[in-house]
C-alpha atoms as a PDB file:
ATOM      1  CA  MET A   1      57.481 -76.252 168.814  1.00  0.00           C
ATOM      2  CA  GLU A   2      57.917 -78.789 166.044  1.00  0.00           C
ATOM      3  CA  ALA A   3      61.520 -79.383 164.703  1.00  0.00           C
ATOM      4  CA  ILE A   4      62.343 -78.358 161.366  1.00  0.00           C
ATOM      5  CA  LYS A   5      61.594 -80.710 158.617  1.00  0.00           C
ATOM      6  CA  MET A   6      63.802 -81.032 155.683  1.00  0.00           C
ATOM      7  CA  PHE A   7      62.069 -83.211 152.775  1.00  0.00           C
ATOM      8  CA  GLU A   8      65.051 -82.315 150.108  1.00  0.00           C
ATOM      9  CA  ASP A   9      66.881 -84.874 148.228  1.00  0.00           C
ATOM     10  CA  ILE A  10      70.706 -83.861 148.558  1.00  0.00           C
ATOM     11  CA  ASP A  11      72.801 -84.883 146.041  1.00  0.00           C
ATOM     12  CA  LEU A  12      76.567 -85.363 147.436  1.00  0.00           C
ATOM     13  CA  HIS A  13      77.986 -86.951 143.908  1.00  0.00           C
ATOM     14  CA  ARG A  14      78.421 -90.061 145.700  1.00  0.00           C
ATOM     15  CA  ARG A  15      75.331 -90.922 147.497  1.00  0.00           C
ATOM     16  CA  ARG A  16      71.783 -89.296 147.839  1.00  0.00           C
ATOM     17  CA  PHE A  17      69.950 -88.779 151.201  1.00  0.00           C
ATOM     18  CA  PHE A  18      66.274 -88.799 151.034  1.00  0.00           C
ATOM     19  CA  GLY A  19      63.715 -87.685 153.759  1.00  0.00           C
ATOM     20  CA  THR A  20      64.522 -86.168 156.913  1.00  0.00           C
ATOM     21  CA  ALA A  21      68.019 -85.130 158.479  1.00  0.00           C
ATOM     22  CA  ALA A  22      68.672 -84.183 162.056  1.00  0.00           C
ATOM     23  CA  MET A  23      71.802 -83.658 163.958  1.00  0.00           C
ATOM     24  CA  SER A  24      72.430 -81.154 167.064  1.00  0.00           C
ATOM     25  CA  ILE A  25      74.932 -77.943 167.329  1.00  0.00           C
ATOM     26  CA  ALA A  26      75.165 -75.871 170.756  1.00  0.00           C
ATOM     27  CA  ALA A  27      74.251 -71.885 170.170  1.00  0.00           C
ATOM     28  CA  ALA A  28      74.567 -72.404 166.216  1.00  0.00           C
ATOM     29  CA  GLN A  29      74.253 -75.545 164.443  1.00  0.00           C
ATOM     30  CA  LEU A  30      73.139 -78.820 165.799  1.00  0.00           C
ATOM     31  CA  ILE A  31      73.480 -82.428 164.124  1.00  0.00           C
ATOM     32  CA  LEU A  32      72.001 -85.425 165.580  1.00  0.00           C
ATOM     33  CA  SER A  33      70.908 -89.032 164.361  1.00  0.00           C
ATOM     34  CA  GLY A  34      67.448 -89.341 164.587  1.00  0.00           C
ATOM     35  CA  SER A  35      63.986 -88.287 163.081  1.00  0.00           C
ATOM     36  CA  ALA A  36      62.401 -85.259 165.049  1.00  0.00           C
ATOM     37  CA  HIS A  37      58.919 -85.790 164.020  1.00  0.00           C
ATOM     38  CA  ALA A  38      59.202 -89.320 164.409  1.00  0.00           C
ATOM     39  CA  GLN A  39      57.147 -91.347 167.275  1.00  0.00           C
ATOM     40  CA  PRO A  40      58.397 -91.358 170.818  1.00  0.00           C
ATOM     41  CA  SER A  41      60.216 -94.277 172.048  1.00  0.00           C
ATOM     42  CA  LYS A  42      58.559 -96.537 174.585  1.00  0.00           C
ATOM     43  CA  GLY A  43      57.842 -94.977 178.331  1.00  0.00           C
ATOM     44  CA  LYS A  44      57.633 -91.640 179.434  1.00  0.00           C
ATOM     45  CA  PRO A  45      58.262 -89.076 177.119  1.00  0.00           C
ATOM     46  CA  ALA A  46      61.169 -86.884 178.133  1.00  0.00           C
ATOM     47  CA  GLU A  47      60.756 -83.626 179.961  1.00  0.00           C
ATOM     48  CA  LEU A  48      62.164 -80.518 178.326  1.00  0.00           C
ATOM     49  CA  PRO A  49      65.834 -79.612 179.695  1.00  0.00           C
ATOM     50  CA  ASN A  50      65.448 -76.767 182.025  1.00  0.00           C
ATOM     51  CA  ILE A  51      67.075 -74.134 179.942  1.00  0.00           C
ATOM     52  CA  ASN A  52      65.699 -70.935 178.305  1.00  0.00           C
ATOM     53  CA  ALA A  53      64.440 -71.335 174.990  1.00  0.00           C
ATOM     54  CA  ARG A  54      66.134 -69.327 172.107  1.00  0.00           C
ATOM     55  CA  THR A  55      66.886 -69.508 168.439  1.00  0.00           C
ATOM     56  CA  ASN A  56      69.895 -72.006 167.989  1.00  0.00           C
ATOM     57  CA  THR A  57      70.871 -73.899 164.877  1.00  0.00           C
ATOM     58  CA  SER A  58      72.666 -77.184 165.685  1.00  0.00           C
ATOM     59  CA  PHE A  59      74.461 -79.770 164.037  1.00  0.00           C
ATOM     60  CA  GLY A  60      74.959 -82.589 166.375  1.00  0.00           C
ATOM     61  CA  PRO A  61      74.880 -86.565 166.797  1.00  0.00           C
ATOM     62  CA  LEU A  62      75.719 -88.490 163.578  1.00  0.00           C
ATOM     63  CA  LYS A  63      74.171 -91.648 163.504  1.00  0.00           C
ATOM     64  CA  GLN A  64      75.339 -93.801 165.624  1.00  0.00           C
ATOM     65  CA  ILE A  65      75.912 -97.080 164.019  1.00  0.00           C
ATOM     66  CA  ASP A  66      78.605 -99.421 165.298  1.00  0.00           C
ATOM     67  CA  GLY A  67      76.153-101.864 163.377  1.00  0.00           C
ATOM     68  CA  PRO A  68      72.544-102.091 164.975  1.00  0.00           C
ATOM     69  CA  TYR A  69      71.024 -98.585 165.637  1.00  0.00           C
ATOM     70  CA  ASP A  70      69.487 -95.860 163.326  1.00  0.00           C
ATOM     71  CA  ILE A  71      68.398 -92.486 163.435  1.00  0.00           C
ATOM     72  CA  TYR A  72      65.505 -93.263 165.918  1.00  0.00           C
ATOM     73  CA  SER A  73      68.036 -93.678 168.823  1.00  0.00           C
ATOM     74  CA  TYR A  74      67.400 -89.559 168.837  1.00  0.00           C
ATOM     75  CA  VAL A  75      63.442 -89.960 168.548  1.00  0.00           C
ATOM     76  CA  ASP A  76      63.005 -88.224 171.858  1.00  0.00           C
ATOM     77  CA  VAL A  77      66.156 -85.890 171.969  1.00  0.00           C
ATOM     78  CA  ALA A  78      65.243 -84.308 168.787  1.00  0.00           C
ATOM     79  CA  PRO A  79      62.286 -82.792 169.797  1.00  0.00           C
ATOM     80  CA  LEU A  80      63.747 -81.600 173.071  1.00  0.00           C
ATOM     81  CA  LEU A  81      66.282 -79.582 171.262  1.00  0.00           C
ATOM     82  CA  ALA A  82      63.862 -78.141 168.812  1.00  0.00           C
ATOM     83  CA  SER A  83      61.888 -77.104 171.663  1.00  0.00           C
ATOM     84  CA  ALA A  84      64.262 -75.276 173.197  1.00  0.00           C
ATOM     85  CA  GLY A  85      65.071 -73.397 169.947  1.00  0.00           C
ATOM     86  CA  TYR A  86      67.820 -75.653 168.481  1.00  0.00           C
ATOM     87  CA  ARG A  87      67.854 -76.880 164.703  1.00  0.00           C
ATOM     88  CA  VAL A  88      68.280 -80.146 164.739  1.00  0.00           C
ATOM     89  CA  ILE A  89      69.656 -82.398 161.720  1.00  0.00           C
ATOM     90  CA  VAL A  90      69.588 -86.109 162.321  1.00  0.00           C
ATOM     91  CA  PRO A  91      71.325 -88.066 159.244  1.00  0.00           C
ATOM     92  CA  TYR A  92      71.346 -91.546 158.332  1.00  0.00           C
ATOM     93  CA  LEU A  93      75.051 -92.651 157.674  1.00  0.00           C
ATOM     94  CA  ARG A  94      75.670 -94.420 154.289  1.00  0.00           C
ATOM     95  CA  GLY A  95      74.239 -97.958 154.101  1.00  0.00           C
ATOM     96  CA  TYR A  96      71.281 -97.319 156.476  1.00  0.00           C
ATOM     97  CA  GLY A  97      68.074 -96.470 155.654  1.00  0.00           C
ATOM     98  CA  THR A  98      67.343 -94.288 152.610  1.00  0.00           C
ATOM     99  CA  THR A  99      70.829 -93.505 151.647  1.00  0.00           C
ATOM    100  CA  ARG A 100      71.545 -94.663 148.461  1.00  0.00           C
ATOM    101  CA  PHE A 101      75.020 -94.737 146.226  1.00  0.00           C
ATOM    102  CA  LEU A 102      74.291 -93.073 142.712  1.00  0.00           C
ATOM    103  CA  SER A 103      76.518 -95.470 140.907  1.00  0.00           C
ATOM    104  CA  GLY A 104      76.588 -99.099 141.138  1.00  0.00           C
ATOM    105  CA  GLU A 105      80.442 -98.697 140.353  1.00  0.00           C
ATOM    106  CA  THR A 106      81.186 -96.742 143.792  1.00  0.00           C
ATOM    107  CA  VAL A 107      83.179 -98.400 146.089  1.00  0.00           C
ATOM    108  CA  ARG A 108      81.144 -99.590 149.064  1.00  0.00           C
ATOM    109  CA  ASN A 109      83.625 -97.947 151.678  1.00  0.00           C
ATOM    110  CA  GLY A 110      82.827 -97.681 155.242  1.00  0.00           C
ATOM    111  CA  GLN A 111      86.277 -96.683 156.528  1.00  0.00           C
ATOM    112  CA  PRO A 112      85.647 -93.990 159.080  1.00  0.00           C
ATOM    113  CA  SER A 113      87.473 -91.020 157.550  1.00  0.00           C
ATOM    114  CA  VAL A 114      85.040 -91.126 154.912  1.00  0.00           C
ATOM    115  CA  VAL A 115      82.155 -91.341 156.722  1.00  0.00           C
ATOM    116  CA  ALA A 116      83.229 -88.181 158.450  1.00  0.00           C
ATOM    117  CA  VAL A 117      83.868 -86.674 154.982  1.00  0.00           C
ATOM    118  CA  ASP A 118      80.066 -87.429 154.253  1.00  0.00           C
ATOM    119  CA  ILE A 119      79.074 -85.492 156.957  1.00  0.00           C
ATOM    120  CA  ILE A 120      81.382 -82.644 156.145  1.00  0.00           C
ATOM    121  CA  ALA A 121      79.737 -82.478 152.674  1.00  0.00           C
ATOM    122  CA  LEU A 122      76.344 -82.628 154.174  1.00  0.00           C
ATOM    123  CA  MET A 123      76.812 -79.781 156.007  1.00  0.00           C
ATOM    124  CA  ASP A 124      78.109 -78.029 152.956  1.00  0.00           C
ATOM    125  CA  ALA A 125      74.998 -78.821 151.157  1.00  0.00           C
ATOM    126  CA  LEU A 126      73.191 -77.323 153.758  1.00  0.00           C
ATOM    127  CA  GLY A 127      75.332 -74.010 154.349  1.00  0.00           C
ATOM    128  CA  MET A 128      76.098 -75.005 157.709  1.00  0.00           C
ATOM    129  CA  GLU A 129      79.574 -73.657 158.342  1.00  0.00           C
ATOM    130  CA  LYS A 130      79.700 -74.776 161.748  1.00  0.00           C
ATOM    131  CA  ALA A 131      77.453 -76.840 164.145  1.00  0.00           C
ATOM    132  CA  THR A 132      77.699 -78.796 167.622  1.00  0.00           C
ATOM    133  CA  LEU A 133      78.141 -82.474 166.983  1.00  0.00           C
ATOM    134  CA  ALA A 134      76.845 -85.079 169.193  1.00  0.00           C
ATOM    135  CA  GLY A 135      76.828 -89.024 168.679  1.00  0.00           C
ATOM    136  CA  PHE A 136      77.419 -92.153 170.273  1.00  0.00           C
ATOM    137  CA  ASP A 137      79.079 -95.459 168.370  1.00  0.00           C
ATOM    138  CA  TRP A 138      79.889 -94.619 164.778  1.00  0.00           C
ATOM    139  CA  GLY A 139      78.524 -91.398 165.406  1.00  0.00           C
ATOM    140  CA  ALA A 140      80.855 -90.258 168.229  1.00  0.00           C
ATOM    141  CA  ARG A 141      83.596 -91.548 166.370  1.00  0.00           C
ATOM    142  CA  THR A 142      82.534 -89.496 163.366  1.00  0.00           C
ATOM    143  CA  ALA A 143      82.160 -86.599 165.184  1.00  0.00           C
ATOM    144  CA  ASN A 144      85.662 -86.937 167.282  1.00  0.00           C
ATOM    145  CA  ILE A 145      87.209 -86.872 163.311  1.00  0.00           C
ATOM    146  CA  ILE A 146      85.519 -84.157 162.142  1.00  0.00           C
ATOM    147  CA  ALA A 147      86.426 -82.393 165.818  1.00  0.00           C
ATOM    148  CA  ALA A 148      90.022 -83.106 165.152  1.00  0.00           C
ATOM    149  CA  LEU A 149      90.784 -82.754 161.609  1.00  0.00           C
ATOM    150  CA  TRP A 150      88.059 -79.620 160.744  1.00  0.00           C
ATOM    151  CA  PRO A 151      87.634 -78.040 164.059  1.00  0.00           C
ATOM    152  CA  GLU A 152      86.842 -74.997 162.208  1.00  0.00           C
ATOM    153  CA  ARG A 153      83.412 -76.735 161.585  1.00  0.00           C
ATOM    154  CA  CYS A 154      82.623 -77.792 164.945  1.00  0.00           C
ATOM    155  CA  ARG A 155      81.501 -75.678 167.667  1.00  0.00           C
ATOM    156  CA  ALA A 156      81.201 -78.285 170.526  1.00  0.00           C
ATOM    157  CA  MET A 157      80.838 -81.865 170.852  1.00  0.00           C
ATOM    158  CA  VAL A 158      78.795 -84.367 173.090  1.00  0.00           C
ATOM    159  CA  SER A 159      80.488 -87.599 173.003  1.00  0.00           C
ATOM    160  CA  VAL A 160      79.587 -91.068 174.330  1.00  0.00           C
ATOM    161  CA  SER A 161      82.211 -93.206 175.359  1.00  0.00           C
ATOM    162  CA  GLY A 162      84.714 -90.534 174.752  1.00  0.00           C
ATOM    163  CA  TYR A 163      87.406 -90.774 172.260  1.00  0.00           C
ATOM    164  CA  LEU A 164      87.282 -93.263 169.555  1.00  0.00           C
ATOM    165  CA  ILE A 165      89.582 -92.243 167.174  1.00  0.00           C
ATOM    166  CA  GLY A 166      91.773 -95.162 165.735  1.00  0.00           C
ATOM    167  CA  SER A 167      93.848 -96.441 163.236  1.00  0.00           C
ATOM    168  CA  GLN A 168      94.551 -99.993 161.284  1.00  0.00           C
ATOM    169  CA  GLU A 169      98.114-100.251 163.308  1.00  0.00           C
ATOM    170  CA  SER A 170      96.032 -99.761 166.578  1.00  0.00           C
ATOM    171  CA  GLY A 171      93.615-102.576 165.278  1.00  0.00           C
ATOM    172  CA  LYS A 172      96.233-104.947 164.888  1.00  0.00           C
ATOM    173  CA  MET A 173      97.472-104.855 168.744  1.00  0.00           C
ATOM    174  CA  PRO A 174      96.257-107.756 170.380  1.00  0.00           C
ATOM    175  CA  LEU A 175      93.900-107.517 173.525  1.00  0.00           C
ATOM    176  CA  PRO A 176      93.737-109.874 176.541  1.00  0.00           C
ATOM    177  CA  PRO A 177      91.422-112.721 175.948  1.00  0.00           C
ATOM    178  CA  THR A 178      88.548-111.085 177.949  1.00  0.00           C
ATOM    179  CA  ALA A 179      88.454-108.217 175.833  1.00  0.00           C
ATOM    180  CA  GLU A 180      88.648-109.789 172.553  1.00  0.00           C
ATOM    181  CA  LEU A 181      85.610-111.876 173.633  1.00  0.00           C
ATOM    182  CA  GLN A 182      83.797-108.482 173.381  1.00  0.00           C
ATOM    183  CA  TRP A 183      84.664-107.946 169.667  1.00  0.00           C
ATOM    184  CA  TRP A 184      83.548-111.453 168.581  1.00  0.00           C
ATOM    185  CA  TYR A 185      81.526-109.909 166.073  1.00  0.00           C
ATOM    186  CA  GLN A 186      84.883-108.251 164.435  1.00  0.00           C
ATOM    187  CA  PHE A 187      86.270-111.381 164.272  1.00  0.00           C
ATOM    188  CA  TYR A 188      82.983-113.058 162.657  1.00  0.00           C
ATOM    189  CA  PHE A 189      82.734-110.142 160.095  1.00  0.00           C
ATOM    190  CA  ALA A 190      86.205-110.853 159.031  1.00  0.00           C
ATOM    191  CA  THR A 191      85.270-114.277 157.501  1.00  0.00           C
ATOM    192  CA  GLU A 192      82.948-114.793 154.521  1.00  0.00           C
ATOM    193  CA  ARG A 193      80.846-117.077 156.568  1.00  0.00           C
ATOM    194  CA  GLY A 194      80.296-114.187 158.665  1.00  0.00           C
ATOM    195  CA  ARG A 195      79.241-111.571 156.071  1.00  0.00           C
ATOM    196  CA  ALA A 196      76.696-114.067 154.715  1.00  0.00           C
ATOM    197  CA  GLY A 197      75.239-114.705 158.371  1.00  0.00           C
ATOM    198  CA  TYR A 198      75.050-111.020 158.843  1.00  0.00           C
ATOM    199  CA  ASP A 199      73.022-110.540 155.609  1.00  0.00           C
ATOM    200  CA  LYS A 200      70.908-113.611 156.204  1.00  0.00           C
ATOM    201  CA  TYR A 201      70.571-112.708 159.879  1.00  0.00           C
ATOM    202  CA  ARG A 202      70.843-109.207 160.293  1.00  0.00           C
ATOM    203  CA  HIS A 203      67.850-108.372 162.392  1.00  0.00           C
ATOM    204  CA  ASP A 204      68.293-111.420 164.523  1.00  0.00           C
ATOM    205  CA  PHE A 205      72.376-110.209 165.060  1.00  0.00           C
ATOM    206  CA  ALA A 206      71.331-106.650 165.868  1.00  0.00           C
ATOM    207  CA  LYS A 207      68.917-107.329 168.281  1.00  0.00           C
ATOM    208  CA  LEU A 208      71.357-109.540 170.074  1.00  0.00           C
ATOM    209  CA  ILE A 209      73.846-106.777 169.951  1.00  0.00           C
ATOM    210  CA  TRP A 210      70.927-104.490 171.725  1.00  0.00           C
ATOM    211  CA  GLN A 211      70.638-107.127 174.235  1.00  0.00           C
ATOM    212  CA  LEU A 212      73.980-107.278 175.294  1.00  0.00           C
ATOM    213  CA  ALA A 213      75.228-103.580 174.825  1.00  0.00           C
ATOM    214  CA  SER A 214      72.146-102.485 176.784  1.00  0.00           C
ATOM    215  CA  PRO A 215      71.545-105.265 179.400  1.00  0.00           C
ATOM    216  CA  LYS A 216      68.943-103.144 181.446  1.00  0.00           C
ATOM    217  CA  TRP A 217      66.940-101.519 178.942  1.00  0.00           C
ATOM    218  CA  ASP A 218      63.738-103.035 178.549  1.00  0.00           C
ATOM    219  CA  PHE A 219      63.077-102.394 174.860  1.00  0.00           C
ATOM    220  CA  ASP A 220      59.802-103.904 173.201  1.00  0.00           C
ATOM    221  CA  ASP A 221      59.810-105.478 169.417  1.00  0.00           C
ATOM    222  CA  ALA A 222      58.132-102.590 168.343  1.00  0.00           C
ATOM    223  CA  THR A 223      60.865-100.126 169.031  1.00  0.00           C
ATOM    224  CA  PHE A 224      63.679-102.417 167.758  1.00  0.00           C
ATOM    225  CA  ASP A 225      61.814-103.453 164.248  1.00  0.00           C
ATOM    226  CA  ARG A 226      61.262 -99.461 163.895  1.00  0.00           C
ATOM    227  CA  SER A 227      65.328 -99.346 163.773  1.00  0.00           C
ATOM    228  CA  ALA A 228      65.680-102.913 162.252  1.00  0.00           C
ATOM    229  CA  ALA A 229      64.063-101.180 158.930  1.00  0.00           C
ATOM    230  CA  SER A 230      67.092 -99.079 158.200  1.00  0.00           C
ATOM    231  CA  PHE A 231      69.523-102.405 157.995  1.00  0.00           C
ATOM    232  CA  ASP A 232      67.489-103.428 155.073  1.00  0.00           C
ATOM    233  CA  ASN A 233      69.284-100.893 152.950  1.00  0.00           C
ATOM    234  CA  PRO A 234      71.121-102.766 149.869  1.00  0.00           C
ATOM    235  CA  ASP A 235      74.568-101.528 150.797  1.00  0.00           C
ATOM    236  CA  HIS A 236      74.284-102.134 154.508  1.00  0.00           C
ATOM    237  CA  VAL A 237      76.067-105.072 154.685  1.00  0.00           C
ATOM    238  CA  ALA A 238      78.829-104.119 152.198  1.00  0.00           C
ATOM    239  CA  ILE A 239      79.373-101.026 154.197  1.00  0.00           C
ATOM    240  CA  VAL A 240      79.233-102.564 157.403  1.00  0.00           C
ATOM    241  CA  VAL A 241      81.588-105.521 156.850  1.00  0.00           C
ATOM    242  CA  HIS A 242      84.199-102.920 155.296  1.00  0.00           C
ATOM    243  CA  ASN A 243      84.247-100.986 157.957  1.00  0.00           C
ATOM    244  CA  TYR A 244      85.413-103.703 160.354  1.00  0.00           C
ATOM    245  CA  ARG A 245      87.320-105.397 158.041  1.00  0.00           C
ATOM    246  CA  TRP A 246      89.203-102.120 157.193  1.00  0.00           C
ATOM    247  CA  ARG A 247      89.752-101.795 161.368  1.00  0.00           C
ATOM    248  CA  LEU A 248      91.913-105.027 161.539  1.00  0.00           C
ATOM    249  CA  GLY A 249      93.595-104.236 158.231  1.00  0.00           C
ATOM    250  CA  LEU A 250      91.906-106.636 156.005  1.00  0.00           C
ATOM    251  CA  ALA A 251      90.277-104.390 153.728  1.00  0.00           C
ATOM    252  CA  GLU A 252      91.891-101.747 151.682  1.00  0.00           C
ATOM    253  CA  GLY A 253      90.427 -98.017 151.955  1.00  0.00           C
ATOM    254  CA  GLU A 254      90.262 -95.269 149.083  1.00  0.00           C
ATOM    255  CA  PRO A 255      93.638 -94.189 148.785  1.00  0.00           C
ATOM    256  CA  LYS A 256      92.430 -90.322 148.085  1.00  0.00           C
ATOM    257  CA  TYR A 257      91.605 -90.947 151.953  1.00  0.00           C
ATOM    258  CA  GLY A 258      94.984 -92.005 153.079  1.00  0.00           C
ATOM    259  CA  ASP A 259      96.345 -88.403 154.166  1.00  0.00           C
ATOM    260  CA  LEU A 260      93.104 -88.118 156.485  1.00  0.00           C
ATOM    261  CA  ASP A 261      93.810 -91.834 158.030  1.00  0.00           C
ATOM    262  CA  LYS A 262      97.682 -90.871 158.260  1.00  0.00           C
ATOM    263  CA  ARG A 263      96.759 -88.003 160.501  1.00  0.00           C
ATOM    264  CA  LEU A 264      93.930 -90.078 162.499  1.00  0.00           C
ATOM    265  CA  ALA A 265      97.128 -92.767 163.202  1.00  0.00           C
ATOM    266  CA  GLU A 266      98.520 -89.969 165.009  1.00  0.00           C
ATOM    267  CA  SER A 267      95.805 -89.697 167.736  1.00  0.00           C
ATOM    268  CA  PRO A 268      95.233 -86.054 167.381  1.00  0.00           C
ATOM    269  CA  VAL A 269      93.917 -84.180 170.312  1.00  0.00           C
ATOM    270  CA  VAL A 270      90.232 -82.491 170.331  1.00  0.00           C
ATOM    271  CA  ALA A 271      90.472 -78.918 171.149  1.00  0.00           C
ATOM    272  CA  VAL A 272      86.572 -78.119 171.040  1.00  0.00           C
ATOM    273  CA  PRO A 273      84.580 -77.692 174.127  1.00  0.00           C
ATOM    274  CA  THR A 274      83.597 -81.375 174.710  1.00  0.00           C
ATOM    275  CA  ILE A 275      81.216 -83.531 177.132  1.00  0.00           C
ATOM    276  CA  THR A 276      81.858 -87.423 177.039  1.00  0.00           C
ATOM    277  CA  LEU A 277      79.297 -89.512 178.400  1.00  0.00           C
ATOM    278  CA  GLU A 278      78.490 -92.979 179.732  1.00  0.00           C
ATOM    279  CA  GLY A 279      75.949 -95.267 180.689  1.00  0.00           C
ATOM    280  CA  ASP A 280      76.367 -97.026 184.189  1.00  0.00           C
ATOM    281  CA  ALA A 281      75.571 -99.953 182.516  1.00  0.00           C
ATOM    282  CA  ASN A 282      77.046-100.038 178.729  1.00  0.00           C
ATOM    283  CA  GLY A 283      77.405-103.586 178.009  1.00  0.00           C
ATOM    284  CA  ALA A 284      79.392-102.930 174.735  1.00  0.00           C
ATOM    285  CA  PRO A 285      83.086-102.528 174.479  1.00  0.00           C
ATOM    286  CA  HIS A 286      84.127 -99.119 175.679  1.00  0.00           C
ATOM    287  CA  PRO A 287      87.361 -97.625 177.235  1.00  0.00           C
ATOM    288  CA  ASP A 288      87.496 -96.037 180.716  1.00  0.00           C
ATOM    289  CA  ALA A 289      87.229 -92.341 181.018  1.00  0.00           C
ATOM    290  CA  SER A 290      90.596 -91.922 182.586  1.00  0.00           C
ATOM    291  CA  SER A 291      92.347 -93.719 179.510  1.00  0.00           C
ATOM    292  CA  TYR A 292      91.398 -90.687 177.129  1.00  0.00           C
ATOM    293  CA  ALA A 293      90.874 -87.486 179.293  1.00  0.00           C
ATOM    294  CA  ARG A 294      94.074 -86.132 177.818  1.00  0.00           C
ATOM    295  CA  LYS A 295      92.691 -86.407 174.161  1.00  0.00           C
ATOM    296  CA  PHE A 296      90.806 -83.409 175.090  1.00  0.00           C
ATOM    297  CA  SER A 297      92.577 -80.193 175.253  1.00  0.00           C
ATOM    298  CA  GLY A 298      90.264 -77.911 175.212  1.00  0.00           C
ATOM    299  CA  LYS A 299      87.029 -77.085 178.121  1.00  0.00           C
ATOM    300  CA  TYR A 300      86.128 -80.683 178.821  1.00  0.00           C
ATOM    301  CA  THR A 301      84.062 -82.572 181.302  1.00  0.00           C
ATOM    302  CA  HIS A 302      82.922 -86.450 181.626  1.00  0.00           C
ATOM    303  CA  ARG A 303      79.425 -87.554 182.814  1.00  0.00           C
ATOM    304  CA  ILE A 304      78.601 -90.943 184.270  1.00  0.00           C
ATOM    305  CA  ILE A 305      74.887 -91.279 183.489  1.00  0.00           C
ATOM    306  CA  GLN A 306      72.974 -93.573 186.244  1.00  0.00           C
ATOM    307  CA  GLY A 307      69.917 -95.838 185.952  1.00  0.00           C
ATOM    308  CA  GLY A 308      70.844 -98.819 184.096  1.00  0.00           C
ATOM    309  CA  ILE A 309      71.770 -96.547 181.094  1.00  0.00           C
ATOM    310  CA  GLY A 310      73.427 -99.116 178.485  1.00  0.00           C
ATOM    311  CA  HIS A 311      75.133 -98.373 175.010  1.00  0.00           C
ATOM    312  CA  ASN A 312      72.474 -96.502 173.086  1.00  0.00           C
ATOM    313  CA  LEU A 313      72.634 -93.843 175.486  1.00  0.00           C
ATOM    314  CA  PRO A 314      70.585 -91.152 173.360  1.00  0.00           C
ATOM    315  CA  GLN A 315      67.577 -93.010 173.319  1.00  0.00           C
ATOM    316  CA  GLU A 316      67.907 -94.853 176.948  1.00  0.00           C
ATOM    317  CA  ALA A 317      68.358 -91.154 178.452  1.00  0.00           C
ATOM    318  CA  PRO A 318      67.265 -88.630 176.159  1.00  0.00           C
ATOM    319  CA  GLN A 319      66.895 -85.989 179.183  1.00  0.00           C
ATOM    320  CA  ALA A 320      70.746 -86.324 180.009  1.00  0.00           C
ATOM    321  CA  PHE A 321      71.742 -86.387 176.212  1.00  0.00           C
ATOM    322  CA  ALA A 322      70.045 -83.321 175.264  1.00  0.00           C
ATOM    323  CA  GLN A 323      70.947 -81.406 178.711  1.00  0.00           C
ATOM    324  CA  ALA A 324      74.849 -82.401 177.606  1.00  0.00           C
ATOM    325  CA  VAL A 325      74.208 -80.549 174.238  1.00  0.00           C
ATOM    326  CA  VAL A 326      72.569 -77.522 175.856  1.00  0.00           C
ATOM    327  CA  ASP A 327      75.630 -77.455 178.551  1.00  0.00           C
ATOM    328  CA  VAL A 328      78.714 -78.126 176.334  1.00  0.00           C
ATOM    329  CA  ALA A 329      78.384 -74.579 174.994  1.00  0.00           C
ATOM    330  CA  LYS A 330      78.423 -73.231 178.515  1.00  0.00           C
ATOM    331  CA  ILE A 331      81.690 -75.255 179.563  1.00  0.00           C
END
């Protein structure tokens, strides 16, 4: 059974979504960040999870962008879940792919709380009261925020690399040199040279991050180029740079989201059922699972995905990711 295709243009007053959207929810609605009818990624297609097919709607992973990823990270996950009876929504986040702002005067804002508000607006536009959210990178952080601030909208959650809610204050705290080295690009984006360099070399930059973050993933040029096309969005550089500068306290957010940011600065716990995942070869900066386990006050389990799996876990291990989405409703 093919995943449900959505071709409606959704006017959210601030931006416009074109084409397909897909995310994931367990036993309700699911949002993932990938195209349910796209071509499979390189390698043998993943086998279906060992579950009974049933009619579900799911709102799962958000787009997984800590810079250089796009909806194709879910190219094999979405069909697995759709074949099992899930409704899967995989949206682009603002500044990627076919998203467009409706006004040239709108602030190109990448602060994390705003991205979460975008997803709530998408759910409202699609008539989804509740969904299972699943994602990695920016997608995991966005799912974390929604689960913490709007738990009534989140049935359950799958989050790669665990609890990723932060604040400007926490972003100001220095780390040991070896840890700071892993965040080199954050300091690069803090400069105008970095902004210009990312704009000029965004594809080379993204491929380097792919290689560093997933050192054992043997992706080919076609796989990368398919995702890299989404970085050609006219607002991409502005959104990415603002996000990282905001984290370091070098850029202001919009005041109307200040109350949300204050709540997030308190590191709220997540009470919805959650499965956190980590690849055994994740080369991107990520916290140890023991450091965030207590941030999940509801039913919770953590899984290490073996086999040289890096940062882009949904694309590198689609079977394991899809199985987590199915299982999170059962824990």
